[in-house]
Amino acid sequence: MNRREFLATAAVASTGPTLLGMSRKADEKNPVIGVEGHKYECQHNWGDLPGELEWQTTHNVALDAAGHVYITHQGLAKKKGMDTVFVFDPKGKFVRSFGKDWHGGGHGIEIRKEGSEEFIYFCNTWTPTKKVVKTNLKGEEVWAKGRPECKEYENTKTAYNPTNINWLPDGGFTVGDGYGANYLLNYDKDGKLTKVFSGGGTEKGKCRTPHGNWLDARGDKPTIVVCDRANARLQWFSLAGEVLEATEGNKLVLFPAHAKTRGDVLLVPDLHARVSLFGKDNKPLVHLGDDAEWRKKVLDGFKVRAQPKEWLPGKFVHPHDAAFDKDGNIFVVEWVATGRVTFLKKVG
């Protein structure tokens, strides 16, 4: 997380609508938040870790076909040697962990089935060499990629720190260089680089921290939706990298971290203390946990992210990633010092 970038936009995002859809008192243990058709019971601090493990700044989440939940955390330099990925069964029981090689760099994670087997793809933002890694579900490495070999990265001073991955319909994938040079990179199904597009800037089609990216198949033609975080907007690109649409900054989203879809719903965890759901027309269905006063407190120098006793039921601190399960429930993972996973159980 870029602290300077975060603080620079915090003042803008401290204003906004009041809390949406709170159907129980905020001091209840598992309040229900949302609106009709999109109501969720908040079960914070989901997942039971064995005593020898601890969260070190949770980052991203993905589910396999069996419903197992895979969560990455960054890993703190002063606590070397711990695995970067923790795996839980659907009820929150710890299953296994792996990823010592990526300690300190754990970030993006996605899972897909290829043939008869499922594979995990990781973006390890701060590791020096293994930037994008493919493994099986047990964490056994299939391949690892370092710096892209293309003209955009010929200059060794050009940073490359990828943050997230999305799948392409032809079996390829897109990597977002969210903390590096702000490019998006398309690869084919064999892992060969085929296209580099976007890059740094504020104009339409350019990005400042393309932190999250996802295949948006809700329209007539599939597109790539990009969470252009520091520009406080979403952008849509064709599969070939041509920009199609960009929202107005600080209007639809505040500080978008990633995106996922389920049916016609677009899910956007927003680091500025809310989780947003959008319809097929990209208009908001609900901003879960949205509260202007709470957000103001959260963005006041990052203090709250290290103060779990200050966290309120039904509200979020810094949602960094989120994912639907097969039943439409949502797992939310937050960028907080002690880590936090929230299970949003669909109740209406």
Protein backbone atom coordinates (compact mmCIF):
# COMPACT_ATOMS: atom_id res chain seq x y z
CA MET A 1 0.00 0.00 0.00
CA ASN A 2 1.33 3.43 -0.99
CA ARG A 3 0.79 5.58 2.10
CA ARG A 4 1.50 8.90 0.36
CA GLU A 5 -1.02 8.10 -2.37
CA PHE A 6 -3.58 7.03 0.20
CA LEU A 7 -3.25 10.16 2.30
CA ALA A 8 -3.38 12.43 -0.74
CA THR A 9 -6.86 11.21 -1.58
CA ALA A 10 -8.19 10.73 1.94
CA ALA A 11 -9.44 14.28 2.33
CA VAL A 12 -11.54 13.98 -0.81
CA ALA A 13 -13.07 10.70 0.27
CA SER A 14 -13.92 11.79 3.80
CA THR A 15 -17.13 13.31 2.55
CA GLY A 16 -19.99 11.23 1.21
CA PRO A 17 -23.38 9.66 1.91
CA THR A 18 -24.34 8.46 5.34
CA LEU A 19 -24.68 4.82 6.28
CA LEU A 20 -26.79 2.79 3.84
CA GLY A 21 -29.05 -0.07 4.75
CA MET A 22 -28.26 -0.67 8.41
CA SER A 23 -31.21 -2.78 9.58
CA ARG A 24 -29.90 -3.39 13.09
CA LYS A 25 -28.14 -1.29 15.66
CA ALA A 26 -24.43 -0.78 14.96
CA ASP A 27 -23.46 -2.12 18.37
CA GLU A 28 -24.91 -5.58 17.70
CA LYS A 29 -22.41 -8.40 17.16
CA ASN A 30 -23.55 -9.46 13.66
CA PRO A 31 -25.60 -6.57 12.23
CA VAL A 32 -27.39 -6.89 8.91
CA ILE A 33 -26.37 -4.32 6.32
CA GLY A 34 -27.59 -3.61 2.82
CA VAL A 35 -30.87 -3.05 1.00
CA GLU A 36 -33.67 -5.30 -0.19
CA GLY A 37 -32.20 -7.93 -2.47
CA HIS A 38 -28.70 -7.28 -1.20
CA LYS A 39 -28.78 -7.79 2.56
CA TYR A 40 -25.91 -9.41 4.42
CA GLU A 41 -25.22 -10.46 7.99
CA CYS A 42 -21.72 -9.34 8.96
CA GLN A 43 -19.60 -12.03 10.58
CA HIS A 44 -16.31 -10.30 11.28
CA ASN A 45 -13.02 -12.06 12.13
CA TRP A 46 -13.95 -15.17 10.12
CA GLY A 47 -11.54 -18.11 10.04
CA ASP A 48 -9.76 -19.92 12.87
CA LEU A 49 -5.97 -19.86 12.72
CA PRO A 50 -3.85 -22.35 14.67
CA GLY A 51 -1.82 -20.81 17.45
CA GLU A 52 1.51 -20.78 15.61
CA LEU A 53 0.14 -18.60 12.79
CA GLU A 54 -1.00 -14.99 12.70
CA TRP A 55 -2.28 -12.54 10.12
CA GLN A 56 0.26 -10.02 8.83
CA THR A 57 -1.77 -7.48 6.85
CA THR A 58 -4.39 -9.48 4.93
CA HIS A 59 -4.64 -8.64 1.22
CA ASN A 60 -6.63 -10.84 -1.17
CA VAL A 61 -9.03 -13.78 -1.35
CA ALA A 62 -10.11 -16.46 -3.84
CA LEU A 63 -12.22 -19.64 -3.67
CA ASP A 64 -11.75 -23.01 -5.36
CA ALA A 65 -14.54 -25.21 -6.74
CA ALA A 66 -14.93 -27.03 -3.42
CA GLY A 67 -15.53 -23.75 -1.61
CA HIS A 68 -12.16 -23.63 0.12
CA VAL A 69 -11.05 -20.07 0.83
CA TYR A 70 -7.48 -18.97 0.02
CA ILE A 71 -6.26 -15.74 1.62
CA THR A 72 -2.98 -13.93 1.08
CA HIS A 73 -1.29 -11.65 3.53
CA GLN A 74 1.76 -9.53 2.93
CA GLY A 75 4.07 -10.87 5.61
CA LEU A 76 6.08 -8.52 7.80
CA ALA A 77 9.85 -8.23 7.40
CA LYS A 78 10.44 -8.65 11.12
CA LYS A 79 8.54 -11.95 11.13
CA LYS A 80 10.24 -13.86 8.33
CA GLY A 81 9.61 -17.52 7.66
CA MET A 82 5.81 -17.58 7.78
CA ASP A 83 3.66 -18.82 4.93
CA THR A 84 1.94 -16.20 2.78
CA VAL A 85 -1.24 -18.15 1.93
CA PHE A 86 -3.72 -19.54 4.47
CA VAL A 87 -6.43 -21.96 3.32
CA PHE A 88 -9.75 -22.60 5.09
CA ASP A 89 -12.71 -24.87 4.49
CA PRO A 90 -16.11 -23.23 3.83
CA LYS A 91 -16.90 -23.12 7.54
CA GLY A 92 -13.67 -21.33 8.48
CA LYS A 93 -11.62 -24.30 9.69
CA PHE A 94 -7.92 -24.01 8.87
CA VAL A 95 -6.76 -26.54 6.24
CA ARG A 96 -3.17 -25.71 5.28
CA SER A 97 -0.73 -22.91 4.46
CA PHE A 98 2.12 -22.36 2.00
CA GLY A 99 4.14 -19.65 0.28
CA LYS A 100 7.23 -18.94 2.37
CA ASP A 101 9.03 -17.90 -0.84
CA TRP A 102 6.67 -14.94 -1.23
CA HIS A 103 6.76 -13.71 2.36
CA GLY A 104 6.75 -9.92 2.29
CA GLY A 105 5.15 -9.80 -1.15
CA GLY A 106 1.80 -11.56 -0.88
CA HIS A 107 -0.91 -9.69 -2.79
CA GLY A 108 -3.19 -10.83 -5.63
CA ILE A 109 -4.61 -14.36 -5.89
CA GLU A 110 -7.05 -15.93 -8.36
CA ILE A 111 -8.03 -19.55 -9.08
CA ARG A 112 -9.32 -21.17 -12.26
CA LYS A 113 -9.86 -24.64 -13.69
CA GLU A 114 -7.68 -25.67 -16.62
CA GLY A 115 -8.70 -29.01 -18.02
CA SER A 116 -9.43 -31.25 -15.07
CA GLU A 117 -7.27 -29.39 -12.53
CA GLU A 118 -7.48 -26.06 -10.71
CA PHE A 119 -4.53 -23.70 -10.51
CA ILE A 120 -3.69 -20.61 -8.47
CA TYR A 121 -2.14 -17.49 -9.97
CA PHE A 122 -0.38 -15.05 -7.64
CA CYS A 123 0.86 -11.49 -7.97
CA ASN A 124 3.66 -11.08 -5.43
CA THR A 125 4.06 -7.35 -5.49
CA TRP A 126 7.20 -6.76 -3.43
CA THR A 127 9.23 -9.91 -4.02
CA PRO A 128 12.36 -9.31 -6.14
CA THR A 129 11.96 -12.07 -8.76
CA LYS A 130 8.83 -14.24 -8.47
CA LYS A 131 6.38 -11.54 -9.46
CA VAL A 132 3.69 -13.73 -11.05
CA VAL A 133 3.52 -17.36 -9.94
CA LYS A 134 1.31 -20.28 -10.94
CA THR A 135 0.82 -23.19 -8.54
CA ASN A 136 -1.55 -26.09 -7.96
CA LEU A 137 -3.98 -25.91 -5.05
CA LYS A 138 -1.34 -27.25 -2.66
CA GLY A 139 1.04 -24.43 -3.53
CA GLU A 140 3.40 -26.51 -5.66
CA GLU A 141 4.94 -24.24 -8.27
CA VAL A 142 4.17 -24.74 -11.97
CA TRP A 143 6.03 -21.65 -13.21
CA ALA A 144 7.15 -18.23 -12.06
CA LYS A 145 7.63 -15.01 -14.02
CA GLY A 146 9.81 -12.07 -13.23
CA ARG A 147 10.20 -8.79 -15.06
CA PRO A 148 8.43 -8.57 -18.48
CA GLU A 149 10.73 -8.71 -21.49
CA CYS A 150 9.36 -5.88 -23.63
CA LYS A 151 10.24 -2.31 -24.59
CA GLU A 152 8.07 -0.78 -21.86
CA TYR A 153 10.36 -2.35 -19.23
CA GLU A 154 13.73 -2.14 -20.99
CA ASN A 155 14.81 0.63 -18.64
CA THR A 156 15.85 -1.12 -15.44
CA LYS A 157 14.68 1.89 -13.46
CA THR A 158 11.10 1.30 -14.59
CA ALA A 159 9.37 -0.33 -11.64
CA TYR A 160 7.40 -3.55 -12.03
CA ASN A 161 5.23 -4.46 -9.04
CA PRO A 162 2.07 -6.31 -10.19
CA THR A 163 -0.99 -6.34 -7.99
CA ASN A 164 -3.78 -8.41 -9.57
CA ILE A 165 -4.80 -10.79 -12.37
CA ASN A 166 -7.93 -11.37 -14.45
CA TRP A 167 -8.78 -14.21 -16.83
CA LEU A 168 -9.36 -13.82 -20.58
CA PRO A 169 -11.91 -15.87 -22.55
CA ASP A 170 -9.22 -17.51 -24.72
CA GLY A 171 -7.44 -18.97 -21.69
CA GLY A 172 -4.99 -16.12 -21.31
CA PHE A 173 -4.80 -13.61 -18.50
CA THR A 174 -4.14 -9.94 -17.76
CA VAL A 175 -1.68 -8.68 -15.15
CA GLY A 176 -2.09 -5.20 -13.68
CA ASP A 177 1.16 -3.44 -12.76
CA GLY A 178 -0.57 -1.50 -10.02
CA TYR A 179 2.47 -0.45 -7.98
CA GLY A 180 4.89 -0.20 -10.86
CA ALA A 181 4.64 1.52 -14.25
CA ASN A 182 0.80 1.43 -14.42
CA TYR A 183 0.63 -0.85 -17.46
CA LEU A 184 -1.74 -3.73 -18.07
CA LEU A 185 -0.19 -6.80 -19.70
CA ASN A 186 -2.04 -9.50 -21.63
CA TYR A 187 -0.63 -13.04 -21.76
CA ASP A 188 -1.85 -16.00 -23.81
CA LYS A 189 -2.77 -19.39 -22.32
CA ASP A 190 0.86 -20.50 -22.47
CA GLY A 191 2.07 -17.48 -20.52
CA LYS A 192 3.49 -15.58 -23.51
CA LEU A 193 3.21 -11.79 -23.39
CA THR A 194 0.99 -10.56 -26.23
CA LYS A 195 -0.03 -6.98 -25.42
CA VAL A 196 0.98 -4.09 -23.17
CA PHE A 197 -1.46 -1.18 -22.79
CA SER A 198 -2.47 1.84 -20.70
CA GLY A 199 0.44 3.28 -18.64
CA GLY A 200 0.67 6.18 -16.24
CA GLY A 201 -1.50 9.29 -16.52
CA THR A 202 -4.82 10.92 -15.73
CA GLU A 203 -6.39 11.07 -19.19
CA LYS A 204 -8.93 8.47 -20.30
CA GLY A 205 -7.16 5.18 -21.01
CA LYS A 206 -4.24 5.95 -18.69
CA CYS A 207 -4.03 4.82 -15.08
CA ARG A 208 -2.58 5.83 -11.76
CA THR A 209 -2.36 2.59 -9.78
CA PRO A 210 -4.39 0.04 -11.79
CA HIS A 211 -4.70 -1.92 -8.58
CA GLY A 212 -7.43 -4.35 -9.60
CA ASN A 213 -8.65 -5.77 -12.90
CA TRP A 214 -11.35 -8.25 -13.86
CA LEU A 215 -13.10 -9.74 -16.89
CA ASP A 216 -16.51 -8.05 -17.06
CA ALA A 217 -18.81 -10.34 -19.06
CA ARG A 218 -22.07 -8.63 -18.09
CA GLY A 219 -22.52 -6.85 -21.43
CA ASP A 220 -22.85 -7.97 -25.04
CA LYS A 221 -19.09 -8.26 -25.34
CA PRO A 222 -16.63 -9.08 -22.55
CA THR A 223 -14.41 -6.22 -21.39
CA ILE A 224 -11.71 -5.67 -18.79
CA VAL A 225 -12.77 -3.45 -15.90
CA VAL A 226 -9.85 -1.75 -14.16
CA CYS A 227 -9.82 -0.22 -10.69
CA ASP A 228 -7.84 2.92 -11.49
CA ARG A 229 -7.35 3.59 -7.83
CA ALA A 230 -5.38 6.84 -7.52
CA ASN A 231 -7.56 8.38 -10.23
CA ALA A 232 -10.56 7.31 -8.10
CA ARG A 233 -12.42 5.76 -11.02
CA LEU A 234 -13.26 2.60 -12.92
CA GLN A 235 -12.21 2.17 -16.53
CA TRP A 236 -13.31 -0.41 -19.11
CA PHE A 237 -11.02 -1.67 -21.87
CA SER A 238 -11.59 -4.01 -24.80
CA LEU A 239 -9.79 -7.34 -24.65
CA ALA A 240 -7.29 -5.83 -27.10
CA GLY A 241 -6.51 -2.96 -24.72
CA GLU A 242 -8.58 -0.16 -26.26
CA VAL A 243 -10.21 2.13 -23.70
CA LEU A 244 -14.01 2.15 -23.87
CA GLU A 245 -15.30 3.98 -20.83
CA ALA A 246 -14.12 5.80 -17.71
CA THR A 247 -16.17 7.00 -14.77
CA GLU A 248 -15.74 10.46 -13.29
CA GLY A 249 -13.17 10.61 -10.53
CA ASN A 250 -14.43 10.45 -6.92
CA LYS A 251 -18.03 9.95 -8.01
CA LEU A 252 -18.94 6.31 -8.50
CA VAL A 253 -16.01 4.96 -6.47
CA LEU A 254 -13.66 6.49 -3.93
CA PHE A 255 -10.48 4.37 -3.86
CA PRO A 256 -11.31 1.09 -5.65
CA ALA A 257 -9.08 -1.86 -4.83
CA HIS A 258 -10.36 -4.77 -6.94
CA ALA A 259 -13.45 -6.02 -8.79
CA LYS A 260 -15.37 -9.27 -9.20
CA THR A 261 -18.67 -10.13 -10.88
CA ARG A 262 -21.52 -12.54 -10.21
CA GLY A 263 -24.33 -12.53 -12.73
CA ASP A 264 -25.16 -8.89 -13.44
CA VAL A 265 -23.59 -7.60 -10.20
CA LEU A 266 -20.18 -5.94 -10.04
CA LEU A 267 -18.49 -6.14 -6.63
CA VAL A 268 -15.91 -3.46 -5.75
CA PRO A 269 -14.13 -3.43 -2.37
CA ASP A 270 -13.18 0.18 -1.74
CA LEU A 271 -10.23 0.99 0.54
CA HIS A 272 -12.11 4.00 1.81
CA ALA A 273 -14.25 1.97 4.20
CA ARG A 274 -16.99 0.47 2.07
CA VAL A 275 -17.88 -2.42 -0.23
CA SER A 276 -19.89 -1.46 -3.31
CA LEU A 277 -22.29 -3.43 -5.48
CA PHE A 278 -23.25 -2.15 -8.94
CA GLY A 279 -25.93 -3.31 -11.37
CA LYS A 280 -25.57 -4.14 -15.05
CA ASP A 281 -25.92 -0.43 -15.83
CA ASN A 282 -23.02 0.27 -13.43
CA LYS A 283 -25.24 2.30 -11.14
CA PRO A 284 -24.87 1.61 -7.40
CA LEU A 285 -27.12 -0.99 -5.86
CA VAL A 286 -25.68 -0.37 -2.40
CA HIS A 287 -22.48 0.84 -0.72
CA LEU A 288 -22.21 -1.60 2.17
CA GLY A 289 -20.99 -0.06 5.41
CA ASP A 290 -20.88 3.46 3.95
CA ASP A 291 -20.72 6.13 6.65
CA ALA A 292 -19.12 9.55 6.12
CA GLU A 293 -18.23 10.11 9.77
CA TRP A 294 -16.74 6.65 10.17
CA ARG A 295 -14.74 7.09 6.96
CA LYS A 296 -13.37 10.40 8.23
CA LYS A 297 -12.10 8.64 11.34
CA VAL A 298 -10.66 5.74 9.34
CA LEU A 299 -8.74 8.04 6.99
CA ASP A 300 -7.31 10.20 9.76
CA GLY A 301 -3.68 9.15 9.49
CA PHE A 302 -4.39 5.40 9.23
CA LYS A 303 -4.60 5.10 13.02
CA VAL A 304 -7.75 2.97 13.08
CA ARG A 305 -6.25 0.18 10.95
CA ALA A 306 -4.00 -0.70 13.91
CA GLN A 307 -6.71 -0.31 16.57
CA PRO A 308 -9.06 -3.34 16.43
CA LYS A 309 -10.90 -2.22 19.55
CA GLU A 310 -12.11 0.82 17.59
CA TRP A 311 -13.63 -1.25 14.78
CA LEU A 312 -17.43 -1.23 14.70
CA PRO A 313 -19.70 -4.14 13.72
CA GLY A 314 -21.24 -3.64 10.30
CA LYS A 315 -18.55 -1.23 9.16
CA PHE A 316 -15.31 -1.70 7.28
CA VAL A 317 -11.87 -0.17 7.71
CA HIS A 318 -9.94 -0.76 4.47
CA PRO A 319 -11.55 -3.41 2.20
CA HIS A 320 -8.76 -4.58 -0.11
CA ASP A 321 -10.40 -7.53 -1.86
CA ALA A 322 -13.69 -9.42 -1.86
CA ALA A 323 -15.10 -12.52 -3.53
CA PHE A 324 -18.47 -14.23 -3.94
CA ASP A 325 -19.00 -17.85 -3.02
CA LYS A 326 -21.37 -20.12 -5.00
CA ASP A 327 -24.34 -19.06 -2.85
CA GLY A 328 -23.82 -15.32 -3.27
CA ASN A 329 -22.24 -14.77 0.13
CA ILE A 330 -19.21 -12.45 0.13
CA PHE A 331 -15.79 -12.77 1.74
CA VAL A 332 -14.15 -9.38 2.43
CA VAL A 333 -10.44 -9.10 3.22
CA GLU A 334 -9.13 -5.84 4.68
CA TRP A 335 -5.78 -4.04 4.59
CA VAL A 336 -5.41 -3.72 8.35
CA ALA A 337 -2.37 -4.33 10.53
CA THR A 338 -3.73 -7.39 12.33
CA GLY A 339 -5.63 -8.72 9.33
CA ARG A 340 -9.39 -9.18 9.14
CA VAL A 341 -11.70 -11.41 7.11
CA THR A 342 -15.43 -10.71 7.13
CA PHE A 343 -18.03 -13.21 5.95
CA LEU A 344 -21.08 -11.44 4.57
CA LYS A 345 -23.87 -14.00 4.73
CA LYS A 346 -26.62 -13.30 2.21
CA VAL A 347 -29.89 -13.02 4.10
CA GLY A 348 -32.16 -11.10 1.75
